[in-house]
Structure formats: C-alpha cells, structure tokens
Amino acid sequence: MKNKLLLLILIFAIKLSFSQDNKYLIAEINTEIFCNHCLECESCDDNIFSKIKENNNGVSYVKIDSKKNIIKVKYNSEKTNLKEIEKAIALSGYKANELEPINKAYESLDYCCKKK
C-alpha cells in the first residue's frame, strides 16, 4: 500500500513539474541593431533589457545577439505574451519582428546606435 501511495505521489509530482514548464516559452525576435561597438559599451543591450523588464513581469531571460540581430526571450505565457514583449522592444527604440521602433524612442538613442 505504501509503495502504491509513493508511486502516485511521484507521478503527481512529475506531472506537476512538467505542467509548470509548459507555461514558459522561448521566442527569438528579429531586430535591427546598428551599433558597431555594442560589446564595448552595451548601451543597446541595457536599453532593450530594461524596457522589456520594465514592461513585462513574466520575462525571466533576455539574450541579445547584436551580430545576428536577434533577441532571445524566455517568458511566462501566463503573465505576458510575445506582442507585449515586442512593444517593449519598440519602446526602447528598436524594431521587433514586424513592429517598427517608436520614433520618439529611436530619436533618443545615442548616435552610434542609429542607422547610418
């Protein structure tokens, strides 16, 4: 009887852990970063990262690849969604997939971060 009970508890725990993982999604967002020295100053990364975190409670991971122009984001789909993350990137002055950057945000970027 104890073995059956332990087995049921184990199965329930495994099922619960897998269901928790399903709410976390990973997205790769295409962007346009024109800075040629991001690895030195990281202002582009800091700007994008802070806007995403400021506007989306469910984001747990942000990785920006300025050479490939990709922003990789891991987020809790119960707290935010891809459209909201894209809006936050646009608010930071950068393109997010098909969403163009907000003009006011783009104009406030450092000169080195703008399209030449």
C-alpha atoms as a PDB file:
ATOM      1  CA  MET A   1       0.000   0.000   0.000  1.00  0.00           C
ATOM      2  CA  LYS A   2       2.855   2.391   0.881  1.00  0.00           C
ATOM      3  CA  ASN A   3       4.542   1.675  -2.432  1.00  0.00           C
ATOM      4  CA  LYS A   4       1.373   2.497  -4.384  1.00  0.00           C
ATOM      5  CA  LEU A   5       0.934   5.728  -2.465  1.00  0.00           C
ATOM      6  CA  LEU A   6       4.559   6.738  -3.055  1.00  0.00           C
ATOM      7  CA  LEU A   7       4.220   5.888  -6.738  1.00  0.00           C
ATOM      8  CA  LEU A   8       1.086   8.043  -7.039  1.00  0.00           C
ATOM      9  CA  ILE A   9       2.810  10.949  -5.277  1.00  0.00           C
ATOM     10  CA  LEU A  10       5.834  10.603  -7.569  1.00  0.00           C
ATOM     11  CA  ILE A  11       3.669  10.543 -10.707  1.00  0.00           C
ATOM     12  CA  PHE A  12       1.743  13.588  -9.499  1.00  0.00           C
ATOM     13  CA  ALA A  13       4.972  15.480  -8.734  1.00  0.00           C
ATOM     14  CA  ILE A  14       6.428  14.698 -12.165  1.00  0.00           C
ATOM     15  CA  LYS A  15       3.209  15.729 -13.911  1.00  0.00           C
ATOM     16  CA  LEU A  16       3.101  18.965 -11.921  1.00  0.00           C
ATOM     17  CA  SER A  17       6.702  19.832 -12.779  1.00  0.00           C
ATOM     18  CA  PHE A  18       6.085  19.276 -16.494  1.00  0.00           C
ATOM     19  CA  SER A  19       2.924  21.373 -16.457  1.00  0.00           C
ATOM     20  CA  GLN A  20       4.873  24.227 -14.846  1.00  0.00           C
ATOM     21  CA  ASP A  21       7.431  24.153 -17.677  1.00  0.00           C
ATOM     22  CA  ASN A  22       4.760  24.417 -20.374  1.00  0.00           C
ATOM     23  CA  LYS A  23       3.892  27.962 -19.378  1.00  0.00           C
ATOM     24  CA  TYR A  24       7.439  29.131 -20.157  1.00  0.00           C
ATOM     25  CA  LEU A  25       8.054  29.898 -23.811  1.00  0.00           C
ATOM     26  CA  ILE A  26      11.184  30.950 -25.679  1.00  0.00           C
ATOM     27  CA  ALA A  27      10.948  33.415 -28.544  1.00  0.00           C
ATOM     28  CA  GLU A  28      13.537  34.686 -30.996  1.00  0.00           C
ATOM     29  CA  ILE A  29      12.703  38.224 -32.051  1.00  0.00           C
ATOM     30  CA  ASN A  30      14.302  39.754 -35.126  1.00  0.00           C
ATOM     31  CA  THR A  31      15.563  43.286 -34.639  1.00  0.00           C
ATOM     32  CA  GLU A  32      17.907  45.853 -36.191  1.00  0.00           C
ATOM     33  CA  ILE A  33      20.858  46.973 -34.096  1.00  0.00           C
ATOM     34  CA  PHE A  34      23.193  49.266 -35.993  1.00  0.00           C
ATOM     35  CA  CYS A  35      25.768  49.853 -33.257  1.00  0.00           C
ATOM     36  CA  ASN A  36      29.206  48.569 -34.201  1.00  0.00           C
ATOM     37  CA  HIS A  37      30.600  48.603 -30.673  1.00  0.00           C
ATOM     38  CA  CYS A  38      27.854  47.016 -28.541  1.00  0.00           C
ATOM     39  CA  LEU A  39      30.308  44.670 -26.890  1.00  0.00           C
ATOM     40  CA  GLU A  40      32.279  47.661 -25.592  1.00  0.00           C
ATOM     41  CA  CYS A  41      29.560  49.928 -24.181  1.00  0.00           C
ATOM     42  CA  GLU A  42      26.483  47.642 -24.039  1.00  0.00           C
ATOM     43  CA  SER A  43      24.099  50.632 -24.111  1.00  0.00           C
ATOM     44  CA  CYS A  44      21.874  48.901 -26.695  1.00  0.00           C
ATOM     45  CA  ASP A  45      21.608  45.778 -24.557  1.00  0.00           C
ATOM     46  CA  ASP A  46      20.932  47.733 -21.370  1.00  0.00           C
ATOM     47  CA  ASN A  47      18.264  49.843 -23.069  1.00  0.00           C
ATOM     48  CA  ILE A  48      16.410  46.858 -24.561  1.00  0.00           C
ATOM     49  CA  PHE A  49      16.777  44.734 -21.420  1.00  0.00           C
ATOM     50  CA  SER A  50      15.465  47.452 -19.092  1.00  0.00           C
ATOM     51  CA  LYS A  51      12.414  48.203 -21.288  1.00  0.00           C
ATOM     52  CA  ILE A  52      11.499  44.530 -21.532  1.00  0.00           C
ATOM     53  CA  LYS A  53      11.805  44.023 -17.762  1.00  0.00           C
ATOM     54  CA  GLU A  54      10.014  47.318 -17.020  1.00  0.00           C
ATOM     55  CA  ASN A  55       7.004  46.415 -19.173  1.00  0.00           C
ATOM     56  CA  ASN A  56       6.749  42.629 -18.725  1.00  0.00           C
ATOM     57  CA  ASN A  57       6.629  40.883 -15.349  1.00  0.00           C
ATOM     58  CA  GLY A  58       6.816  37.407 -16.855  1.00  0.00           C
ATOM     59  CA  VAL A  59      10.192  37.677 -18.600  1.00  0.00           C
ATOM     60  CA  SER A  60      12.895  35.575 -16.966  1.00  0.00           C
ATOM     61  CA  TYR A  61      15.678  35.665 -19.578  1.00  0.00           C
ATOM     62  CA  VAL A  62      16.839  38.083 -22.270  1.00  0.00           C
ATOM     63  CA  LYS A  63      19.831  37.451 -24.543  1.00  0.00           C
ATOM     64  CA  ILE A  64      20.712  39.945 -27.245  1.00  0.00           C
ATOM     65  CA  ASP A  65      22.859  38.911 -30.188  1.00  0.00           C
ATOM     66  CA  SER A  66      23.747  42.200 -31.883  1.00  0.00           C
ATOM     67  CA  LYS A  67      25.718  40.480 -34.643  1.00  0.00           C
ATOM     68  CA  LYS A  68      22.776  38.312 -35.724  1.00  0.00           C
ATOM     69  CA  ASN A  69      20.159  40.970 -34.802  1.00  0.00           C
ATOM     70  CA  ILE A  70      18.204  38.538 -32.645  1.00  0.00           C
ATOM     71  CA  ILE A  71      16.758  38.980 -29.171  1.00  0.00           C
ATOM     72  CA  LYS A  72      16.071  35.687 -27.410  1.00  0.00           C
ATOM     73  CA  VAL A  73      13.494  35.887 -24.620  1.00  0.00           C
ATOM     74  CA  LYS A  74      12.171  33.307 -22.157  1.00  0.00           C
ATOM     75  CA  TYR A  75       8.840  34.304 -20.665  1.00  0.00           C
ATOM     76  CA  ASN A  76       5.917  33.060 -18.618  1.00  0.00           C
ATOM     77  CA  SER A  77       2.969  32.902 -21.028  1.00  0.00           C
ATOM     78  CA  GLU A  78       0.547  33.274 -18.125  1.00  0.00           C
ATOM     79  CA  LYS A  79       1.988  36.707 -17.258  1.00  0.00           C
ATOM     80  CA  THR A  80       2.897  38.215 -20.648  1.00  0.00           C
ATOM     81  CA  ASN A  81       2.916  37.444 -24.361  1.00  0.00           C
ATOM     82  CA  LEU A  82       5.053  37.962 -27.441  1.00  0.00           C
ATOM     83  CA  LYS A  83       3.147  41.071 -28.592  1.00  0.00           C
ATOM     84  CA  GLU A  84       3.778  42.819 -25.258  1.00  0.00           C
ATOM     85  CA  ILE A  85       7.474  41.955 -25.412  1.00  0.00           C
ATOM     86  CA  GLU A  86       7.668  43.280 -28.978  1.00  0.00           C
ATOM     87  CA  LYS A  87       6.008  46.531 -27.836  1.00  0.00           C
ATOM     88  CA  ALA A  88       8.610  46.924 -25.087  1.00  0.00           C
ATOM     89  CA  ILE A  89      11.433  46.492 -27.611  1.00  0.00           C
ATOM     90  CA  ALA A  90       9.811  49.089 -29.899  1.00  0.00           C
ATOM     91  CA  LEU A  91       9.547  51.418 -26.886  1.00  0.00           C
ATOM     92  CA  SER A  92      13.301  51.070 -26.436  1.00  0.00           C
ATOM     93  CA  GLY A  93      13.839  52.381 -29.992  1.00  0.00           C
ATOM     94  CA  TYR A  94      14.444  49.134 -31.848  1.00  0.00           C
ATOM     95  CA  LYS A  95      12.496  47.081 -34.354  1.00  0.00           C
ATOM     96  CA  ALA A  96      10.856  43.902 -33.039  1.00  0.00           C
ATOM     97  CA  ASN A  97       9.916  41.448 -35.788  1.00  0.00           C
ATOM     98  CA  GLU A  98       7.479  43.450 -37.945  1.00  0.00           C
ATOM     99  CA  LEU A  99       6.857  46.146 -35.314  1.00  0.00           C
ATOM    100  CA  GLU A 100       8.763  49.333 -36.105  1.00  0.00           C
ATOM    101  CA  PRO A 101      10.504  51.274 -33.305  1.00  0.00           C
ATOM    102  CA  ILE A 102       8.658  54.138 -31.626  1.00  0.00           C
ATOM    103  CA  ASN A 103      10.004  57.325 -33.263  1.00  0.00           C
ATOM    104  CA  LYS A 104      10.496  59.241 -30.010  1.00  0.00           C
ATOM    105  CA  ALA A 105      12.435  56.317 -28.523  1.00  0.00           C
ATOM    106  CA  TYR A 106      14.537  55.894 -31.661  1.00  0.00           C
ATOM    107  CA  GLU A 107      15.405  59.600 -31.710  1.00  0.00           C
ATOM    108  CA  SER A 108      16.594  59.408 -28.098  1.00  0.00           C
ATOM    109  CA  LEU A 109      19.121  56.653 -28.873  1.00  0.00           C
ATOM    110  CA  ASP A 110      22.825  57.525 -28.918  1.00  0.00           C
ATOM    111  CA  TYR A 111      24.056  58.481 -32.386  1.00  0.00           C
ATOM    112  CA  CYS A 112      26.156  55.329 -32.581  1.00  0.00           C
ATOM    113  CA  CYS A 113      23.026  53.182 -32.128  1.00  0.00           C
ATOM    114  CA  LYS A 114      21.148  54.651 -35.104  1.00  0.00           C
ATOM    115  CA  LYS A 115      21.149  53.584 -38.750  1.00  0.00           C
ATOM    116  CA  LYS A 116      23.863  55.419 -40.659  1.00  0.00           C
END
